Amino acid sequence: MASQDLGILSAVFAAQRTDPALAEGLRRIMRRDEATMTAPLPPAAARSGLVLRPDFARVFADLVPAVLLHHVLISQALPVTDLVEHLVDRVLLPLIIEP
């Protein structure tokens, strides 16, 4: 992601605080993306013999975008591959898998 893209994203997130229509549009996009990100998880877990907690989608949807957005927008650090691997292996899986 180019630095000008980061500036645009930052401006959109700041502007949504005072523009209800923009805020609703962002929420709609985030919900759509959450569904897209979490849909493959149950079949993948089942193939691996894992059982997901009933609230796995909410935990995933709350945690992953927050960490990635912070990493990209605040830290302005790319790439995120190492962060994603660490987030999934050390943080996310222990939270969403039934013991």
C-alpha atoms as a PDB file:
ATOM      1  CA  MET A   1       0.000   0.000   0.000  1.00  0.00           C
ATOM      2  CA  ALA A   2       1.473   3.330  -1.029  1.00  0.00           C
ATOM      3  CA  SER A   3       1.866   6.167   1.469  1.00  0.00           C
ATOM      4  CA  GLN A   4      -0.764   8.279  -0.310  1.00  0.00           C
ATOM      5  CA  ASP A   5      -3.213   5.371   0.101  1.00  0.00           C
ATOM      6  CA  LEU A   6      -2.477   5.333   3.833  1.00  0.00           C
ATOM      7  CA  GLY A   7      -3.227   9.052   3.972  1.00  0.00           C
ATOM      8  CA  ILE A   8      -6.531   8.546   2.183  1.00  0.00           C
ATOM      9  CA  LEU A   9      -7.515   5.705   4.519  1.00  0.00           C
ATOM     10  CA  SER A  10      -6.612   7.793   7.545  1.00  0.00           C
ATOM     11  CA  ALA A  11      -8.695  10.688   6.238  1.00  0.00           C
ATOM     12  CA  VAL A  12     -11.701   8.447   5.579  1.00  0.00           C
ATOM     13  CA  PHE A  13     -11.534   6.967   9.080  1.00  0.00           C
ATOM     14  CA  ALA A  14     -11.252  10.432  10.602  1.00  0.00           C
ATOM     15  CA  ALA A  15     -14.106  11.826   8.486  1.00  0.00           C
ATOM     16  CA  GLN A  16     -16.505   9.046   9.417  1.00  0.00           C
ATOM     17  CA  ARG A  17     -16.620  10.436  12.968  1.00  0.00           C
ATOM     18  CA  THR A  18     -18.622  13.429  11.748  1.00  0.00           C
ATOM     19  CA  ASP A  19     -20.424  11.903   8.746  1.00  0.00           C
ATOM     20  CA  PRO A  20     -23.080   9.329   9.722  1.00  0.00           C
ATOM     21  CA  ALA A  21     -23.603   8.159   6.132  1.00  0.00           C
ATOM     22  CA  LEU A  22     -19.895   7.553   5.662  1.00  0.00           C
ATOM     23  CA  ALA A  23     -19.729   5.746   9.007  1.00  0.00           C
ATOM     24  CA  GLU A  24     -22.631   3.480   8.023  1.00  0.00           C
ATOM     25  CA  GLY A  25     -20.997   2.762   4.659  1.00  0.00           C
ATOM     26  CA  LEU A  26     -17.743   1.811   6.375  1.00  0.00           C
ATOM     27  CA  ARG A  27     -19.603  -0.461   8.809  1.00  0.00           C
ATOM     28  CA  ARG A  28     -21.413  -2.146   5.902  1.00  0.00           C
ATOM     29  CA  ILE A  29     -18.103  -2.769   4.110  1.00  0.00           C
ATOM     30  CA  MET A  30     -16.482  -4.068   7.298  1.00  0.00           C
ATOM     31  CA  ARG A  31     -19.385  -6.493   7.925  1.00  0.00           C
ATOM     32  CA  ARG A  32     -19.181  -7.744   4.340  1.00  0.00           C
ATOM     33  CA  ASP A  33     -15.434  -8.250   4.659  1.00  0.00           C
ATOM     34  CA  GLU A  34     -15.834  -9.955   8.047  1.00  0.00           C
ATOM     35  CA  ALA A  35     -18.202 -12.490   6.506  1.00  0.00           C
ATOM     36  CA  THR A  36     -15.807 -13.096   3.622  1.00  0.00           C
ATOM     37  CA  MET A  37     -12.839 -13.557   5.974  1.00  0.00           C
ATOM     38  CA  THR A  38     -14.573 -15.884   8.418  1.00  0.00           C
ATOM     39  CA  ALA A  39     -16.571 -18.100   6.005  1.00  0.00           C
ATOM     40  CA  PRO A  40     -13.627 -20.397   5.129  1.00  0.00           C
ATOM     41  CA  LEU A  41     -12.677 -21.002   8.762  1.00  0.00           C
ATOM     42  CA  PRO A  42     -15.238 -23.676   9.801  1.00  0.00           C
ATOM     43  CA  PRO A  43     -14.532 -26.009   6.849  1.00  0.00           C
ATOM     44  CA  ALA A  44     -10.766 -25.549   7.274  1.00  0.00           C
ATOM     45  CA  ALA A  45     -11.004 -26.257  10.991  1.00  0.00           C
ATOM     46  CA  ALA A  46     -13.127 -29.357  10.373  1.00  0.00           C
ATOM     47  CA  ARG A  47     -10.601 -30.690   7.837  1.00  0.00           C
ATOM     48  CA  SER A  48      -7.913 -30.264  10.493  1.00  0.00           C
ATOM     49  CA  GLY A  49      -9.995 -31.926  13.198  1.00  0.00           C
ATOM     50  CA  LEU A  50     -10.400 -28.691  15.153  1.00  0.00           C
ATOM     51  CA  VAL A  51     -13.584 -27.408  16.770  1.00  0.00           C
ATOM     52  CA  LEU A  52     -14.212 -23.682  16.711  1.00  0.00           C
ATOM     53  CA  ARG A  53     -15.795 -21.881  19.618  1.00  0.00           C
ATOM     54  CA  PRO A  54     -19.330 -20.659  18.909  1.00  0.00           C
ATOM     55  CA  ASP A  55     -18.181 -17.019  19.019  1.00  0.00           C
ATOM     56  CA  PHE A  56     -15.161 -17.534  16.744  1.00  0.00           C
ATOM     57  CA  ALA A  57     -16.448 -15.211  14.001  1.00  0.00           C
ATOM     58  CA  ARG A  58     -16.984 -12.299  16.403  1.00  0.00           C
ATOM     59  CA  VAL A  59     -13.557 -12.750  18.001  1.00  0.00           C
ATOM     60  CA  PHE A  60     -11.926 -12.952  14.584  1.00  0.00           C
ATOM     61  CA  ALA A  61     -13.859  -9.960  13.231  1.00  0.00           C
ATOM     62  CA  ASP A  62     -13.066  -7.820  16.277  1.00  0.00           C
ATOM     63  CA  LEU A  63      -9.405  -8.669  16.541  1.00  0.00           C
ATOM     64  CA  VAL A  64      -7.922  -9.080  13.074  1.00  0.00           C
ATOM     65  CA  PRO A  65      -9.033  -5.825  11.396  1.00  0.00           C
ATOM     66  CA  ALA A  66      -8.118  -3.817  14.507  1.00  0.00           C
ATOM     67  CA  VAL A  67      -4.574  -5.176  14.643  1.00  0.00           C
ATOM     68  CA  LEU A  68      -3.993  -4.919  10.897  1.00  0.00           C
ATOM     69  CA  LEU A  69      -5.421  -1.402  10.639  1.00  0.00           C
ATOM     70  CA  HIS A  70      -3.318  -0.254  13.560  1.00  0.00           C
ATOM     71  CA  HIS A  71      -0.235  -1.845  12.074  1.00  0.00           C
ATOM     72  CA  VAL A  72      -0.745  -0.302   8.646  1.00  0.00           C
ATOM     73  CA  LEU A  73      -2.253   3.076   9.545  1.00  0.00           C
ATOM     74  CA  ILE A  74      -0.513   3.948  12.799  1.00  0.00           C
ATOM     75  CA  SER A  75       2.798   2.150  12.466  1.00  0.00           C
ATOM     76  CA  GLN A  76       2.775   2.551   8.668  1.00  0.00           C
ATOM     77  CA  ALA A  77       4.641  -0.716   8.532  1.00  0.00           C
ATOM     78  CA  LEU A  78       4.512  -3.061   5.575  1.00  0.00           C
ATOM     79  CA  PRO A  79       4.628  -5.956   4.809  1.00  0.00           C
ATOM     80  CA  VAL A  80       2.336  -7.599   7.330  1.00  0.00           C
ATOM     81  CA  THR A  81       3.048 -11.278   6.572  1.00  0.00           C
ATOM     82  CA  ASP A  82       5.064 -11.897   9.756  1.00  0.00           C
ATOM     83  CA  LEU A  83       2.470 -10.060  11.828  1.00  0.00           C
ATOM     84  CA  VAL A  84      -0.393 -12.095  10.357  1.00  0.00           C
ATOM     85  CA  GLU A  85       1.413 -15.376  10.984  1.00  0.00           C
ATOM     86  CA  HIS A  86       2.131 -14.382  14.590  1.00  0.00           C
ATOM     87  CA  LEU A  87      -1.414 -13.093  15.101  1.00  0.00           C
ATOM     88  CA  VAL A  88      -2.989 -16.292  13.799  1.00  0.00           C
ATOM     89  CA  ASP A  89      -0.636 -18.790  15.463  1.00  0.00           C
ATOM     90  CA  ARG A  90      -0.089 -17.152  18.857  1.00  0.00           C
ATOM     91  CA  VAL A  91      -3.203 -15.059  19.455  1.00  0.00           C
ATOM     92  CA  LEU A  92      -6.146 -15.968  17.265  1.00  0.00           C
ATOM     93  CA  LEU A  93      -6.075 -19.780  17.212  1.00  0.00           C
ATOM     94  CA  PRO A  94      -5.927 -20.093  21.020  1.00  0.00           C
ATOM     95  CA  LEU A  95      -8.936 -17.771  21.238  1.00  0.00           C
ATOM     96  CA  ILE A  96     -11.188 -19.429  18.647  1.00  0.00           C
ATOM     97  CA  ILE A  97     -10.424 -23.154  19.049  1.00  0.00           C
ATOM     98  CA  GLU A  98     -12.213 -25.255  21.654  1.00  0.00           C
ATOM     99  CA  PRO A  99      -9.705 -26.876  23.991  1.00  0.00           C
END
